[in-house]
N, C-alpha and C. Protein backbone atom coordinates (compact mmCIF):
# COMPACT_ATOMS: atom_id res chain seq x y z
N MET A 1 0.81 -1.17 0.00
CA MET A 1 0.00 0.00 0.00
C MET A 1 0.87 1.25 0.00
N VAL A 2 0.33 2.39 -0.51
CA VAL A 2 1.08 3.64 -0.63
C VAL A 2 0.92 4.42 0.67
N THR A 3 2.05 4.85 1.16
CA THR A 3 2.02 5.60 2.42
C THR A 3 1.89 7.09 2.14
N MET A 4 1.59 7.83 3.17
CA MET A 4 1.48 9.29 3.04
C MET A 4 2.80 9.92 2.63
N ASN A 5 3.88 9.38 3.10
CA ASN A 5 5.20 9.90 2.78
C ASN A 5 5.48 9.74 1.28
N GLN A 6 5.10 8.62 0.71
CA GLN A 6 5.31 8.38 -0.72
C GLN A 6 4.43 9.32 -1.57
N LEU A 7 3.21 9.54 -1.15
CA LEU A 7 2.32 10.46 -1.87
C LEU A 7 2.86 11.89 -1.83
N PHE A 8 3.39 12.25 -0.67
CA PHE A 8 3.96 13.59 -0.55
C PHE A 8 5.16 13.76 -1.49
N ARG A 9 6.03 12.76 -1.53
CA ARG A 9 7.19 12.82 -2.44
C ARG A 9 6.75 12.89 -3.90
N LEU A 10 5.74 12.14 -4.26
CA LEU A 10 5.21 12.15 -5.62
C LEU A 10 4.64 13.52 -5.96
N LEU A 11 3.93 14.12 -5.03
CA LEU A 11 3.36 15.45 -5.23
C LEU A 11 4.47 16.49 -5.42
N VAL A 12 5.51 16.40 -4.63
CA VAL A 12 6.64 17.32 -4.75
C VAL A 12 7.31 17.14 -6.11
N LEU A 13 7.51 15.91 -6.55
CA LEU A 13 8.14 15.62 -7.83
C LEU A 13 7.33 16.19 -8.99
N VAL A 14 6.04 15.99 -8.97
CA VAL A 14 5.16 16.51 -10.02
C VAL A 14 5.19 18.04 -10.02
N THR A 15 5.17 18.65 -8.86
CA THR A 15 5.19 20.11 -8.75
C THR A 15 6.49 20.68 -9.30
N VAL A 16 7.61 20.07 -8.96
CA VAL A 16 8.92 20.55 -9.43
C VAL A 16 9.02 20.39 -10.95
N CYS A 17 8.61 19.28 -11.48
CA CYS A 17 8.69 19.04 -12.93
C CYS A 17 7.81 20.01 -13.71
N SER A 18 6.60 20.24 -13.24
CA SER A 18 5.71 21.16 -13.94
C SER A 18 6.23 22.60 -13.84
N SER A 19 6.80 22.96 -12.70
CA SER A 19 7.38 24.30 -12.55
C SER A 19 8.54 24.50 -13.52
N LEU A 20 9.40 23.49 -13.63
CA LEU A 20 10.52 23.59 -14.57
C LEU A 20 10.04 23.67 -16.02
N ALA A 21 9.02 22.92 -16.35
CA ALA A 21 8.49 22.95 -17.71
C ALA A 21 7.91 24.32 -18.05
N ILE A 22 7.20 24.92 -17.12
CA ILE A 22 6.62 26.25 -17.34
C ILE A 22 7.73 27.29 -17.46
N ALA A 23 8.73 27.21 -16.59
CA ALA A 23 9.83 28.17 -16.62
C ALA A 23 10.62 28.07 -17.92
N ALA A 24 10.84 26.86 -18.39
CA ALA A 24 11.60 26.68 -19.63
C ALA A 24 10.84 27.23 -20.83
N SER A 25 9.54 27.10 -20.84
CA SER A 25 8.77 27.58 -21.99
C SER A 25 8.62 29.09 -22.00
N THR A 26 8.65 29.73 -20.85
CA THR A 26 8.47 31.18 -20.81
C THR A 26 9.78 31.94 -20.97
N THR A 27 10.92 31.33 -20.65
CA THR A 27 12.19 32.04 -20.76
C THR A 27 12.97 31.66 -22.00
N ALA A 28 12.41 30.83 -22.85
CA ALA A 28 13.11 30.44 -24.07
C ALA A 28 13.25 31.66 -24.97
N ALA A 29 14.36 31.72 -25.70
CA ALA A 29 14.59 32.82 -26.62
C ALA A 29 13.56 32.76 -27.74
N PRO A 30 13.06 33.91 -28.14
CA PRO A 30 12.08 33.91 -29.22
C PRO A 30 12.70 33.40 -30.52
N ALA A 31 11.91 32.68 -31.27
CA ALA A 31 12.40 32.14 -32.54
C ALA A 31 12.61 33.27 -33.53
N LYS A 32 13.62 33.12 -34.38
CA LYS A 32 13.88 34.13 -35.39
C LYS A 32 12.78 34.06 -36.44
N LYS A 33 12.16 35.19 -36.69
CA LYS A 33 11.10 35.23 -37.68
C LYS A 33 11.67 35.38 -39.08
N ASP A 34 12.62 36.25 -39.23
CA ASP A 34 13.24 36.50 -40.52
C ASP A 34 14.75 36.50 -40.36
N ALA A 35 15.41 36.40 -41.48
CA ALA A 35 16.86 36.51 -41.47
C ALA A 35 17.21 37.95 -41.07
N PRO A 36 18.43 38.17 -40.63
CA PRO A 36 18.80 39.53 -40.26
C PRO A 36 18.61 40.47 -41.44
N ALA A 37 18.16 41.66 -41.15
CA ALA A 37 17.90 42.63 -42.21
C ALA A 37 19.19 42.98 -42.94
N ALA A 38 19.09 43.04 -44.23
CA ALA A 38 20.23 43.43 -45.04
C ALA A 38 20.46 44.93 -44.89
N PRO A 39 21.69 45.37 -45.06
CA PRO A 39 21.94 46.81 -44.99
C PRO A 39 21.11 47.55 -46.02
N ALA A 40 20.78 48.77 -45.72
CA ALA A 40 19.95 49.57 -46.62
C ALA A 40 20.70 49.87 -47.91
N VAL A 41 19.98 49.80 -49.02
CA VAL A 41 20.54 50.08 -50.33
C VAL A 41 19.93 51.38 -50.82
N ASP A 42 20.74 52.22 -51.46
CA ASP A 42 20.24 53.48 -52.01
C ASP A 42 19.45 53.18 -53.27
N THR A 43 18.13 53.12 -53.14
CA THR A 43 17.27 52.74 -54.26
C THR A 43 17.17 53.84 -55.31
N SER A 44 17.65 55.04 -55.02
CA SER A 44 17.60 56.11 -56.01
C SER A 44 18.58 55.85 -57.15
N LYS A 45 19.50 54.91 -56.95
CA LYS A 45 20.48 54.59 -57.99
C LYS A 45 19.99 53.51 -58.94
N TYR A 46 18.77 52.98 -58.72
CA TYR A 46 18.24 51.96 -59.61
C TYR A 46 17.94 52.56 -60.97
N LYS A 47 18.29 51.82 -62.00
CA LYS A 47 17.99 52.22 -63.37
C LYS A 47 16.48 52.12 -63.56
N THR A 48 15.87 53.17 -64.09
CA THR A 48 14.43 53.18 -64.30
C THR A 48 14.06 52.06 -65.26
N GLY A 49 13.14 51.21 -64.83
CA GLY A 49 12.70 50.09 -65.65
C GLY A 49 13.62 48.88 -65.58
N GLY A 50 14.68 48.97 -64.80
CA GLY A 50 15.63 47.86 -64.66
C GLY A 50 15.08 46.78 -63.74
N CYS A 51 15.83 45.71 -63.61
CA CYS A 51 15.38 44.56 -62.81
C CYS A 51 15.17 44.94 -61.35
N CYS A 52 16.06 45.73 -60.78
CA CYS A 52 15.94 46.11 -59.37
C CYS A 52 14.77 47.06 -59.16
N ASP A 53 14.56 47.95 -60.11
CA ASP A 53 13.44 48.89 -60.03
C ASP A 53 12.11 48.15 -60.09
N LYS A 54 12.00 47.19 -60.99
CA LYS A 54 10.77 46.41 -61.12
C LYS A 54 10.52 45.58 -59.85
N ALA A 55 11.57 44.99 -59.32
CA ALA A 55 11.42 44.18 -58.11
C ALA A 55 11.00 45.03 -56.93
N GLU A 56 11.58 46.23 -56.82
CA GLU A 56 11.22 47.11 -55.71
C GLU A 56 9.76 47.53 -55.81
N LYS A 57 9.30 47.82 -57.02
CA LYS A 57 7.90 48.21 -57.19
C LYS A 57 6.96 47.06 -56.86
N ALA A 58 7.43 45.82 -57.04
CA ALA A 58 6.63 44.65 -56.69
C ALA A 58 6.74 44.32 -55.20
N GLY A 59 7.59 45.06 -54.49
CA GLY A 59 7.75 44.83 -53.05
C GLY A 59 8.66 43.67 -52.71
N LYS A 60 9.51 43.28 -53.64
CA LYS A 60 10.42 42.15 -53.42
C LYS A 60 11.85 42.59 -53.72
N PRO A 61 12.82 41.88 -53.18
CA PRO A 61 14.21 42.16 -53.57
C PRO A 61 14.50 41.53 -54.92
N CYS A 62 15.41 42.11 -55.66
CA CYS A 62 15.80 41.55 -56.96
C CYS A 62 16.49 40.21 -56.73
N ALA A 63 16.16 39.23 -57.58
CA ALA A 63 16.68 37.87 -57.40
C ALA A 63 17.92 37.58 -58.22
N HIS A 64 18.37 38.53 -59.05
CA HIS A 64 19.59 38.27 -59.83
C HIS A 64 20.77 38.05 -58.89
N PRO A 65 21.59 37.05 -59.14
CA PRO A 65 22.72 36.78 -58.24
C PRO A 65 23.64 37.99 -58.06
N CYS A 66 23.86 38.74 -59.14
CA CYS A 66 24.75 39.90 -59.04
C CYS A 66 24.13 40.99 -58.16
N CYS A 67 22.83 41.13 -58.24
CA CYS A 67 22.13 42.14 -57.43
C CYS A 67 22.06 41.72 -55.96
N VAL A 68 21.86 40.42 -55.72
CA VAL A 68 21.81 39.90 -54.35
C VAL A 68 23.16 40.12 -53.67
N LYS A 69 24.23 39.84 -54.39
CA LYS A 69 25.58 40.01 -53.83
C LYS A 69 25.84 41.48 -53.50
N ALA A 70 25.46 42.37 -54.41
CA ALA A 70 25.66 43.80 -54.18
C ALA A 70 24.82 44.29 -53.00
N ALA A 71 23.60 43.80 -52.88
CA ALA A 71 22.71 44.23 -51.80
C ALA A 71 23.26 43.82 -50.44
N LYS A 72 23.93 42.65 -50.37
CA LYS A 72 24.53 42.22 -49.10
C LYS A 72 25.61 43.19 -48.64
N GLU A 73 26.22 43.89 -49.60
CA GLU A 73 27.27 44.85 -49.29
C GLU A 73 26.71 46.28 -49.23
N ALA A 74 25.38 46.41 -49.23
CA ALA A 74 24.69 47.70 -49.20
C ALA A 74 25.06 48.54 -50.41
N LYS A 75 25.20 47.88 -51.55
CA LYS A 75 25.53 48.55 -52.80
C LYS A 75 24.46 48.23 -53.83
N VAL A 76 24.54 48.90 -54.96
CA VAL A 76 23.66 48.64 -56.10
C VAL A 76 24.50 47.97 -57.17
N CYS A 77 23.97 46.94 -57.79
CA CYS A 77 24.69 46.22 -58.83
C CYS A 77 25.03 47.17 -59.97
N GLU A 78 26.31 47.29 -60.27
CA GLU A 78 26.74 48.20 -61.33
C GLU A 78 26.51 47.62 -62.72
N LYS A 79 26.35 46.29 -62.78
CA LYS A 79 26.08 45.66 -64.07
C LYS A 79 24.65 45.97 -64.52
N CYS A 80 23.71 45.85 -63.61
CA CYS A 80 22.30 46.07 -63.94
C CYS A 80 21.89 47.53 -63.79
N ASN A 81 22.62 48.27 -63.00
CA ASN A 81 22.30 49.69 -62.74
C ASN A 81 23.55 50.53 -62.96
N PRO A 82 23.99 50.66 -64.22
CA PRO A 82 25.23 51.40 -64.45
C PRO A 82 25.09 52.85 -63.98
N ALA A 83 26.17 53.37 -63.44
CA ALA A 83 26.17 54.75 -62.97
C ALA A 83 26.00 55.66 -64.18
N ALA A 84 25.26 56.74 -64.00
CA ALA A 84 25.06 57.68 -65.09
C ALA A 84 26.42 58.25 -65.48
N LYS A 85 26.65 58.28 -66.78
CA LYS A 85 27.92 58.83 -67.24
C LYS A 85 27.92 60.33 -67.03
N GLU A 86 29.06 60.83 -66.66
CA GLU A 86 29.16 62.26 -66.42
C GLU A 86 29.03 63.00 -67.74
N ALA A 87 28.54 64.23 -67.67
CA ALA A 87 28.41 65.05 -68.88
C ALA A 87 29.81 65.30 -69.43
N PRO A 88 29.92 65.36 -70.76
CA PRO A 88 31.25 65.60 -71.33
C PRO A 88 31.80 66.94 -70.86
N ALA A 89 33.09 66.98 -70.75
CA ALA A 89 33.74 68.20 -70.30
C ALA A 89 33.46 69.31 -71.32
N PRO A 90 33.29 70.54 -70.86
CA PRO A 90 33.03 71.63 -71.80
C PRO A 90 34.22 71.81 -72.74
N ALA A 91 33.89 72.20 -73.95
CA ALA A 91 34.93 72.38 -74.97
C ALA A 91 35.87 73.50 -74.52
N LYS A 92 37.12 73.31 -74.82
CA LYS A 92 38.10 74.34 -74.46
C LYS A 92 37.88 75.55 -75.35
N GLU A 93 38.12 76.70 -74.78
CA GLU A 93 37.96 77.93 -75.56
C GLU A 93 39.08 78.02 -76.58
N ALA A 94 38.81 78.72 -77.67
CA ALA A 94 39.81 78.91 -78.71
C ALA A 94 40.98 79.66 -78.11
N PRO A 95 42.18 79.34 -78.56
CA PRO A 95 43.34 80.04 -78.01
C PRO A 95 43.28 81.53 -78.31
N ALA A 96 43.82 82.30 -77.41
CA ALA A 96 43.85 83.75 -77.59
C ALA A 96 44.73 84.08 -78.78
N PRO A 97 44.38 85.12 -79.56
CA PRO A 97 45.20 85.48 -80.73
C PRO A 97 46.60 85.89 -80.28
N ALA A 98 47.54 85.60 -81.13
CA ALA A 98 48.94 85.94 -80.83
C ALA A 98 49.09 87.45 -80.76
N LYS A 99 50.05 87.92 -80.01
CA LYS A 99 50.25 89.34 -79.83
C LYS A 99 50.71 89.99 -81.14
N ASP A 100 51.43 89.27 -81.97
CA ASP A 100 51.97 89.84 -83.20
C ASP A 100 50.91 89.91 -84.29
N ALA A 101 49.87 89.12 -84.19
CA ALA A 101 48.88 89.11 -85.25
C ALA A 101 47.98 90.33 -85.12
N PRO A 102 47.61 90.90 -86.28
CA PRO A 102 46.73 92.07 -86.22
C PRO A 102 45.32 91.65 -85.82
N ALA A 103 44.66 92.51 -85.10
CA ALA A 103 43.31 92.23 -84.66
C ALA A 103 42.37 92.34 -85.83
N THR A 104 41.41 91.44 -85.92
CA THR A 104 40.46 91.48 -87.03
C THR A 104 39.13 92.01 -86.50
N LYS A 105 38.45 92.68 -87.41
CA LYS A 105 37.17 93.26 -87.02
C LYS A 105 36.04 92.45 -87.51
């Protein structure tokens, strides 16, 4: 037959186990919902109508491998979004007339 002492020990064991189970479930680290956020990319450098521009308008990141690699470095893919070429340098002015040459009207 079961004695009072054995029932008490069983009650203590059940109480301790349930307390540990509750404590473990409440103090567990929250699960990661998403991968760590990628560094911000300057979307103003996207080529209008390009792959990255279309993906951004669809609310998704561009899936091209070259664009994914650039985005991890917080850059814009230069292959798909070439930098705007600088305006050509202004033409040099004509050389000043020589001092010995007569001035023309």
